[in-house]
Amino acid sequence: MSTPKRSKDFPMVLAAQQDRKKFSALYNKYFKEIFLFILKKTADETLAAELSSNTFMKAMVNLTKYRDMGFPF
């Protein structure tokens, strides 16, 4: 039986689970990508910024529930 493949973000997630300050690495890596995705959908910069912020807040609050399945965070 093979070991499941870990995502390349798994070390950052583990670090953030142990120290919330380290969540900033995930935030910095993905904020622009998520912001631009939401901006394309909403065409509203203010709304996109707010929704992006909410997305990361929910991710940080629920970080202990994260289960690595081999996909990016």
N, C-alpha and C. Protein backbone atom coordinates (compact mmCIF):
# COMPACT_ATOMS: atom_id res chain seq x y z
N MET A 1 0.85 -1.18 0.00
CA MET A 1 0.00 0.00 0.00
C MET A 1 0.89 1.24 0.00
N SER A 2 0.62 2.18 -0.91
CA SER A 2 1.48 3.36 -1.03
C SER A 2 1.01 4.48 -0.10
N THR A 3 1.95 5.34 0.24
CA THR A 3 1.67 6.51 1.06
C THR A 3 0.98 7.55 0.19
N PRO A 4 -0.09 8.19 0.69
CA PRO A 4 -0.76 9.22 -0.13
C PRO A 4 0.19 10.38 -0.44
N LYS A 5 0.04 10.91 -1.64
CA LYS A 5 0.87 12.03 -2.06
C LYS A 5 0.44 13.29 -1.31
N ARG A 6 1.40 14.02 -0.77
CA ARG A 6 1.15 15.26 -0.06
C ARG A 6 1.20 16.43 -1.02
N SER A 7 0.41 17.45 -0.75
CA SER A 7 0.48 18.66 -1.57
C SER A 7 1.76 19.40 -1.23
N LYS A 8 2.21 20.23 -2.15
CA LYS A 8 3.43 21.00 -1.90
C LYS A 8 3.21 22.04 -0.80
N ASP A 9 1.95 22.34 -0.48
CA ASP A 9 1.63 23.31 0.57
C ASP A 9 1.55 22.67 1.96
N PHE A 10 1.61 21.35 2.03
CA PHE A 10 1.41 20.66 3.29
C PHE A 10 2.34 21.17 4.41
N PRO A 11 3.63 21.38 4.16
CA PRO A 11 4.49 21.91 5.23
C PRO A 11 4.03 23.29 5.74
N MET A 12 3.56 24.14 4.84
CA MET A 12 3.08 25.46 5.26
C MET A 12 1.81 25.34 6.09
N VAL A 13 0.94 24.42 5.71
CA VAL A 13 -0.29 24.21 6.46
C VAL A 13 0.03 23.68 7.86
N LEU A 14 0.91 22.71 7.94
CA LEU A 14 1.30 22.18 9.25
C LEU A 14 1.88 23.27 10.14
N ALA A 15 2.73 24.10 9.57
CA ALA A 15 3.33 25.19 10.33
C ALA A 15 2.26 26.16 10.82
N ALA A 16 1.30 26.47 9.96
CA ALA A 16 0.22 27.40 10.32
C ALA A 16 -0.71 26.79 11.37
N GLN A 17 -0.89 25.47 11.33
CA GLN A 17 -1.71 24.82 12.34
C GLN A 17 -1.08 24.93 13.72
N GLN A 18 0.24 24.96 13.76
CA GLN A 18 0.96 25.04 15.02
C GLN A 18 1.18 26.48 15.48
N ASP A 19 1.22 27.41 14.54
CA ASP A 19 1.47 28.82 14.85
C ASP A 19 0.69 29.67 13.84
N ARG A 20 -0.39 30.30 14.29
CA ARG A 20 -1.27 31.08 13.39
C ARG A 20 -0.52 32.17 12.63
N LYS A 21 0.56 32.68 13.19
CA LYS A 21 1.33 33.72 12.50
C LYS A 21 1.90 33.20 11.17
N LYS A 22 2.11 31.91 11.09
CA LYS A 22 2.68 31.32 9.88
C LYS A 22 1.65 31.14 8.77
N PHE A 23 0.38 31.44 9.07
CA PHE A 23 -0.65 31.41 8.04
C PHE A 23 -0.36 32.47 6.98
N SER A 24 0.40 33.48 7.34
CA SER A 24 0.72 34.55 6.39
C SER A 24 1.41 34.02 5.13
N ALA A 25 2.15 32.93 5.25
CA ALA A 25 2.80 32.35 4.06
C ALA A 25 1.76 31.87 3.05
N LEU A 26 0.70 31.24 3.54
CA LEU A 26 -0.38 30.80 2.66
C LEU A 26 -1.15 31.99 2.10
N TYR A 27 -1.39 32.97 2.94
CA TYR A 27 -2.09 34.19 2.52
C TYR A 27 -1.30 34.88 1.40
N ASN A 28 -0.01 35.07 1.63
CA ASN A 28 0.82 35.75 0.64
C ASN A 28 0.91 34.97 -0.67
N LYS A 29 0.89 33.66 -0.58
CA LYS A 29 1.00 32.82 -1.78
C LYS A 29 -0.29 32.86 -2.62
N TYR A 30 -1.44 32.88 -1.97
CA TYR A 30 -2.69 32.71 -2.68
C TYR A 30 -3.60 33.94 -2.77
N PHE A 31 -3.31 35.01 -2.04
CA PHE A 31 -4.24 36.14 -2.04
C PHE A 31 -4.49 36.70 -3.43
N LYS A 32 -3.45 37.00 -4.15
CA LYS A 32 -3.61 37.63 -5.47
C LYS A 32 -4.44 36.75 -6.40
N GLU A 33 -4.15 35.46 -6.41
CA GLU A 33 -4.86 34.52 -7.28
C GLU A 33 -6.36 34.47 -6.93
N ILE A 34 -6.66 34.41 -5.65
CA ILE A 34 -8.06 34.36 -5.22
C ILE A 34 -8.75 35.70 -5.47
N PHE A 35 -8.06 36.80 -5.16
CA PHE A 35 -8.62 38.13 -5.41
C PHE A 35 -8.98 38.31 -6.88
N LEU A 36 -8.05 37.96 -7.77
CA LEU A 36 -8.31 38.13 -9.21
C LEU A 36 -9.44 37.23 -9.69
N PHE A 37 -9.54 36.02 -9.16
CA PHE A 37 -10.64 35.13 -9.52
C PHE A 37 -11.98 35.76 -9.13
N ILE A 38 -12.06 36.26 -7.91
CA ILE A 38 -13.30 36.87 -7.43
C ILE A 38 -13.60 38.16 -8.19
N LEU A 39 -12.56 38.93 -8.47
CA LEU A 39 -12.74 40.17 -9.23
C LEU A 39 -13.34 39.89 -10.61
N LYS A 40 -12.86 38.83 -11.27
CA LYS A 40 -13.43 38.47 -12.57
C LYS A 40 -14.91 38.12 -12.46
N LYS A 41 -15.29 37.49 -11.36
CA LYS A 41 -16.68 37.08 -11.18
C LYS A 41 -17.58 38.24 -10.78
N THR A 42 -17.05 39.20 -10.01
CA THR A 42 -17.88 40.28 -9.47
C THR A 42 -17.74 41.60 -10.21
N ALA A 43 -16.59 41.82 -10.84
CA ALA A 43 -16.28 43.11 -11.49
C ALA A 43 -16.38 44.28 -10.52
N ASP A 44 -16.10 44.01 -9.25
CA ASP A 44 -16.18 45.04 -8.21
C ASP A 44 -14.98 44.86 -7.28
N GLU A 45 -14.02 45.79 -7.36
CA GLU A 45 -12.79 45.67 -6.59
C GLU A 45 -13.01 45.62 -5.09
N THR A 46 -13.89 46.47 -4.60
CA THR A 46 -14.16 46.52 -3.16
C THR A 46 -14.78 45.21 -2.69
N LEU A 47 -15.75 44.72 -3.43
CA LEU A 47 -16.39 43.46 -3.08
C LEU A 47 -15.40 42.30 -3.17
N ALA A 48 -14.57 42.30 -4.20
CA ALA A 48 -13.58 41.24 -4.36
C ALA A 48 -12.59 41.22 -3.18
N ALA A 49 -12.18 42.40 -2.74
CA ALA A 49 -11.27 42.48 -1.59
C ALA A 49 -11.94 41.95 -0.33
N GLU A 50 -13.20 42.32 -0.14
CA GLU A 50 -13.93 41.87 1.05
C GLU A 50 -14.15 40.35 1.03
N LEU A 51 -14.55 39.83 -0.11
CA LEU A 51 -14.78 38.39 -0.22
C LEU A 51 -13.48 37.59 -0.09
N SER A 52 -12.40 38.13 -0.63
CA SER A 52 -11.10 37.48 -0.50
C SER A 52 -10.68 37.44 0.97
N SER A 53 -10.87 38.55 1.65
CA SER A 53 -10.54 38.61 3.07
C SER A 53 -11.37 37.61 3.87
N ASN A 54 -12.66 37.53 3.56
CA ASN A 54 -13.54 36.57 4.24
C ASN A 54 -13.10 35.14 3.97
N THR A 55 -12.68 34.87 2.75
CA THR A 55 -12.22 33.53 2.38
C THR A 55 -11.03 33.11 3.24
N PHE A 56 -10.07 34.02 3.39
CA PHE A 56 -8.89 33.69 4.18
C PHE A 56 -9.20 33.62 5.67
N MET A 57 -10.12 34.42 6.13
CA MET A 57 -10.52 34.35 7.54
C MET A 57 -11.13 32.98 7.84
N LYS A 58 -12.02 32.53 6.96
CA LYS A 58 -12.64 31.21 7.15
C LYS A 58 -11.60 30.10 7.07
N ALA A 59 -10.66 30.23 6.15
CA ALA A 59 -9.61 29.22 6.03
C ALA A 59 -8.77 29.16 7.30
N MET A 60 -8.43 30.33 7.85
CA MET A 60 -7.60 30.35 9.05
C MET A 60 -8.37 29.79 10.25
N VAL A 61 -9.63 30.16 10.40
CA VAL A 61 -10.44 29.68 11.52
C VAL A 61 -10.60 28.16 11.46
N ASN A 62 -10.71 27.62 10.25
CA ASN A 62 -10.95 26.18 10.08
C ASN A 62 -9.70 25.38 9.74
N LEU A 63 -8.54 25.97 9.96
CA LEU A 63 -7.28 25.33 9.59
C LEU A 63 -7.08 23.97 10.25
N THR A 64 -7.57 23.82 11.46
CA THR A 64 -7.39 22.53 12.15
C THR A 64 -8.19 21.41 11.49
N LYS A 65 -9.19 21.77 10.68
CA LYS A 65 -10.01 20.77 9.99
C LYS A 65 -9.40 20.36 8.64
N TYR A 66 -8.36 21.06 8.22
CA TYR A 66 -7.76 20.79 6.91
C TYR A 66 -7.20 19.37 6.86
N ARG A 67 -7.52 18.66 5.79
CA ARG A 67 -6.98 17.33 5.54
C ARG A 67 -6.32 17.35 4.17
N ASP A 68 -5.04 17.06 4.15
CA ASP A 68 -4.31 17.08 2.89
C ASP A 68 -4.74 15.92 2.01
N MET A 69 -5.12 16.25 0.81
CA MET A 69 -5.55 15.24 -0.16
C MET A 69 -4.69 15.28 -1.41
N GLY A 70 -3.53 15.94 -1.32
CA GLY A 70 -2.61 15.99 -2.45
C GLY A 70 -2.82 17.16 -3.38
N PHE A 71 -3.81 18.02 -3.07
CA PHE A 71 -4.09 19.19 -3.89
C PHE A 71 -3.57 20.45 -3.20
N PRO A 72 -3.31 21.52 -3.94
CA PRO A 72 -2.86 22.77 -3.31
C PRO A 72 -3.87 23.27 -2.28
N PHE A 73 -3.37 23.97 -1.32
CA PHE A 73 -4.20 24.52 -0.25
C PHE A 73 -5.30 25.35 -0.84
